Protein backbone atom coordinates (compact mmCIF):
# COMPACT_ATOMS: atom_id res chain seq x y z
CA MET A 1 -0.27 -28.24 38.06
CA GLU A 2 0.98 -25.15 39.86
CA ALA A 3 3.06 -25.89 42.91
CA ASN A 4 1.35 -24.74 46.11
CA THR A 5 3.69 -21.92 47.04
CA SER A 6 1.08 -19.71 48.70
CA SER A 7 2.73 -20.03 52.12
CA TYR A 8 6.19 -19.36 50.68
CA LYS A 9 7.96 -16.15 49.88
CA ILE A 10 9.65 -16.52 46.48
CA ILE A 11 12.93 -14.84 45.56
CA LEU A 12 14.22 -14.73 42.00
CA GLY A 13 18.00 -14.54 42.08
CA SER A 14 18.33 -12.89 38.68
CA SER A 15 18.28 -9.44 37.10
CA SER A 16 17.07 -10.89 33.77
CA VAL A 17 13.98 -9.10 32.44
CA ALA A 18 12.97 -12.24 30.49
CA ARG A 19 13.12 -14.47 33.61
CA ARG A 20 11.10 -11.90 35.54
CA LYS A 21 8.47 -11.89 32.78
CA ILE A 22 8.27 -15.70 32.59
CA LEU A 23 7.91 -16.15 36.37
CA SER A 24 5.15 -13.50 36.41
CA GLU A 25 3.40 -15.30 33.53
CA MET A 26 3.49 -18.46 35.67
CA GLY A 27 1.35 -16.61 38.22
CA TYR A 28 3.94 -16.16 40.95
CA GLN A 29 4.60 -13.10 43.07
CA PHE A 30 8.24 -12.70 43.96
CA THR A 31 10.98 -10.33 44.97
CA ILE A 32 14.27 -9.93 43.14
CA VAL A 33 17.69 -10.22 44.74
CA THR A 34 20.52 -10.08 42.24
CA ALA A 35 23.58 -12.26 42.46
CA ASP A 36 26.87 -10.51 41.82
CA ILE A 37 29.29 -13.19 40.74
CA ASP A 38 32.20 -13.29 38.33
CA GLU A 39 30.73 -15.73 35.81
CA LYS A 40 33.97 -15.89 33.77
CA SER A 41 35.86 -17.30 36.75
CA ILE A 42 33.72 -20.45 36.74
CA ARG A 43 34.77 -23.04 34.17
CA LYS A 44 33.53 -26.58 33.59
CA GLU A 45 34.05 -29.32 31.01
CA THR A 46 30.52 -29.38 29.59
CA PRO A 47 27.84 -26.69 29.09
CA GLU A 48 25.49 -28.72 31.32
CA GLU A 49 27.99 -28.74 34.21
CA LEU A 50 28.73 -25.05 33.61
CA VAL A 51 25.12 -23.82 33.84
CA MET A 52 24.52 -25.90 36.97
CA ALA A 53 27.69 -24.52 38.60
CA LEU A 54 26.75 -20.94 37.64
CA ALA A 55 23.21 -21.31 39.03
CA GLU A 56 24.70 -22.71 42.23
CA ALA A 57 27.17 -19.81 42.53
CA LYS A 58 24.32 -17.33 41.96
CA ALA A 59 22.16 -19.04 44.61
CA ASN A 60 25.02 -19.04 47.14
CA ALA A 61 25.75 -15.36 46.44
CA VAL A 62 22.09 -14.45 47.00
CA ILE A 63 21.94 -16.49 50.21
CA SER A 64 25.02 -14.77 51.67
CA LYS A 65 23.59 -11.38 50.62
CA LEU A 66 20.32 -12.22 52.40
CA GLN A 67 22.17 -13.31 55.53
CA THR A 68 24.10 -10.03 55.59
CA THR A 69 21.12 -7.76 55.00
CA SER A 70 18.32 -9.52 56.85
CA LYS A 71 20.10 -9.77 60.24
CA ARG A 72 17.31 -11.54 62.12
CA GLU A 73 14.37 -10.19 60.16
CA GLY A 74 12.17 -12.67 58.30
CA VAL A 75 14.31 -15.67 59.17
CA ASP A 76 11.29 -17.81 60.06
CA GLU A 77 9.37 -17.05 56.90
CA PRO A 78 9.48 -20.06 54.55
CA THR A 79 11.35 -18.86 51.48
CA ILE A 80 12.12 -20.40 48.12
CA LEU A 81 15.00 -19.10 46.01
CA ILE A 82 15.07 -19.62 42.24
CA ALA A 83 18.40 -19.25 40.43
CA ALA A 84 19.04 -19.95 36.76
CA ASP A 85 21.65 -19.69 34.05
CA THR A 86 21.73 -20.07 30.28
CA VAL A 87 24.53 -20.46 27.76
CA VAL A 88 24.47 -20.87 24.00
CA VAL A 89 26.37 -23.70 22.34
CA TYR A 90 27.51 -23.19 18.76
CA GLY A 91 29.81 -25.58 16.94
CA GLY A 92 30.51 -27.35 20.23
CA VAL A 93 31.72 -24.12 21.87
CA VAL A 94 30.01 -22.42 24.82
CA ARG A 95 29.01 -18.80 24.27
CA GLU A 96 28.15 -16.44 27.10
CA LYS A 97 27.15 -12.76 26.79
CA PRO A 98 29.04 -11.03 23.94
CA SER A 99 31.79 -8.72 25.20
CA SER A 100 31.26 -6.14 22.42
CA LYS A 101 28.89 -5.17 19.60
CA GLU A 102 31.41 -6.61 17.13
CA GLU A 103 31.33 -9.97 18.88
CA ALA A 104 27.50 -9.89 19.03
CA GLN A 105 27.45 -9.24 15.28
CA GLN A 106 29.81 -12.14 14.60
CA PHE A 107 27.73 -14.47 16.78
CA LEU A 108 24.54 -13.62 14.87
CA LYS A 109 26.26 -13.99 11.50
CA ASP A 110 27.36 -17.46 12.59
CA TYR A 111 23.77 -18.50 13.34
CA SER A 112 22.50 -17.36 9.93
CA GLY A 113 21.40 -20.43 7.95
CA ARG A 114 22.79 -22.73 10.65
CA HIS A 115 21.84 -23.94 14.10
CA ALA A 116 22.69 -23.29 17.74
CA ALA A 117 21.53 -24.68 21.06
CA THR A 118 20.78 -23.21 24.46
CA VAL A 119 21.56 -25.07 27.66
CA GLY A 120 19.76 -23.66 30.67
CA SER A 121 19.69 -24.57 34.32
CA VAL A 122 17.17 -23.97 37.08
CA LEU A 123 18.10 -24.37 40.73
CA VAL A 124 15.47 -24.10 43.46
CA THR A 125 16.55 -23.83 47.10
CA ASN A 126 14.21 -24.09 50.07
CA LEU A 127 15.89 -21.65 52.47
CA LYS A 128 14.02 -23.03 55.49
CA THR A 129 14.96 -26.69 55.04
CA GLY A 130 18.12 -26.27 52.95
CA LEU A 131 16.70 -28.65 50.33
CA ARG A 132 18.06 -27.86 46.87
CA LYS A 133 16.81 -29.22 43.54
CA GLY A 134 18.29 -28.43 40.15
CA GLU A 135 18.21 -29.64 36.56
CA TRP A 136 19.20 -28.47 33.10
CA ASP A 137 17.36 -28.26 29.81
CA ARG A 138 18.62 -28.14 26.21
CA VAL A 139 16.91 -26.56 23.19
CA GLU A 140 18.03 -26.73 19.53
CA ILE A 141 17.34 -23.67 17.33
CA TYR A 142 17.51 -23.73 13.52
CA PHE A 143 17.80 -20.49 11.53
CA ASN A 144 17.10 -19.40 7.99
CA GLU A 145 19.53 -16.90 6.45
CA ILE A 146 19.50 -13.67 8.49
CA PRO A 147 20.14 -10.53 6.38
CA ASP A 148 23.16 -8.42 7.42
CA GLU A 149 21.00 -5.30 7.82
CA THR A 150 18.75 -7.15 10.31
CA ILE A 151 21.81 -8.19 12.31
CA GLU A 152 23.14 -4.63 12.30
CA LYS A 153 19.80 -3.19 13.45
CA LEU A 154 19.53 -5.71 16.26
CA VAL A 155 23.11 -5.17 17.44
CA ASP A 156 22.65 -1.37 17.37
CA GLU A 157 19.80 -1.72 19.86
CA GLY A 158 22.37 -3.01 22.37
CA ILE A 159 20.03 -5.69 23.68
CA THR A 160 22.15 -8.59 22.35
CA LEU A 161 24.93 -7.70 24.80
CA ASN A 162 22.72 -8.73 27.73
CA VAL A 163 21.91 -12.26 26.58
CA ALA A 164 23.93 -15.46 26.28
CA GLY A 165 25.43 -15.87 22.81
CA GLY A 166 23.70 -12.63 21.72
CA LEU A 167 20.74 -14.89 20.99
CA ILE A 168 17.28 -13.38 21.40
CA ILE A 169 14.86 -15.43 19.30
CA GLU A 170 11.70 -13.75 20.62
CA HIS A 171 12.81 -10.34 19.24
CA PRO A 172 10.56 -9.20 16.34
CA LEU A 173 13.64 -8.63 14.14
CA ILE A 174 14.92 -12.20 14.57
CA LEU A 175 11.68 -14.14 14.95
CA PRO A 176 10.89 -14.27 11.19
CA PHE A 177 14.25 -15.99 10.57
CA VAL A 178 13.80 -18.72 13.17
CA LYS A 179 13.10 -21.87 11.18
CA GLU A 180 12.49 -24.32 14.01
CA VAL A 181 12.82 -24.54 17.78
CA VAL A 182 13.18 -28.05 19.19
CA GLY A 183 12.22 -27.44 22.80
CA THR A 184 10.49 -24.50 24.46
CA THR A 185 10.97 -20.78 23.82
CA ASP A 186 10.75 -20.01 27.56
CA SER A 187 13.81 -22.20 28.07
CA VAL A 188 15.72 -20.23 25.41
CA MET A 189 14.65 -17.02 27.16
CA GLY A 190 16.14 -18.25 30.43
CA LEU A 191 13.48 -20.01 32.50
CA PRO A 192 11.79 -23.24 31.33
CA LYS A 193 8.30 -23.10 32.88
CA ALA A 194 7.59 -26.84 33.21
CA LEU A 195 11.00 -27.56 34.74
CA THR A 196 10.72 -24.63 37.17
CA GLU A 197 7.26 -25.82 38.23
CA LYS A 198 8.55 -29.36 38.82
CA LEU A 199 11.55 -28.20 40.86
CA LEU A 200 9.41 -25.87 42.98
CA LYS A 201 7.20 -28.83 43.82
CA ASP A 202 10.23 -31.06 44.59
CA ALA A 203 11.86 -28.49 46.86
CA MET A 204 8.90 -28.01 49.17
């Protein structure tokens, strides 16, 4: 059931192409306002706490950006802000975006024949009422052996540097080596549809 957001302006607080694509697939029209935060400065005990804290920091950064730029314009328009974050967990350790191609290559080699998980958060803020609803979602991903040449090709494209843990299971090079996904692919890509829908409804 799609949340009735027709009277709301929706803002996606993310520069992620995948999140943009998923939200469009859900049938929503939205504008993008990116959140510039230092993700590495935020540290938490568990991946679940971390992704919630990062989504919150992104939402707050977008809100202060909007307050600076909008002056008085559009203040009365009911607006919903969606922020999200995803990390990869491998061997109990949280992995964010790889810092180099070498690190991306090592990450992918680690996944070969093994398994990793993604933990993603969605945080929806009603900017008119201040109501904020957020939850996290976890997906387990099992891999077959990934050939070294496939890993090299993927890393050379540079795309793995833009995603948590260098993990991009929907990519045609990696897809054939994904054995099983316990959870939803949209969650791995950064925006779980069902959870986003639920939180949109709750925040109105």
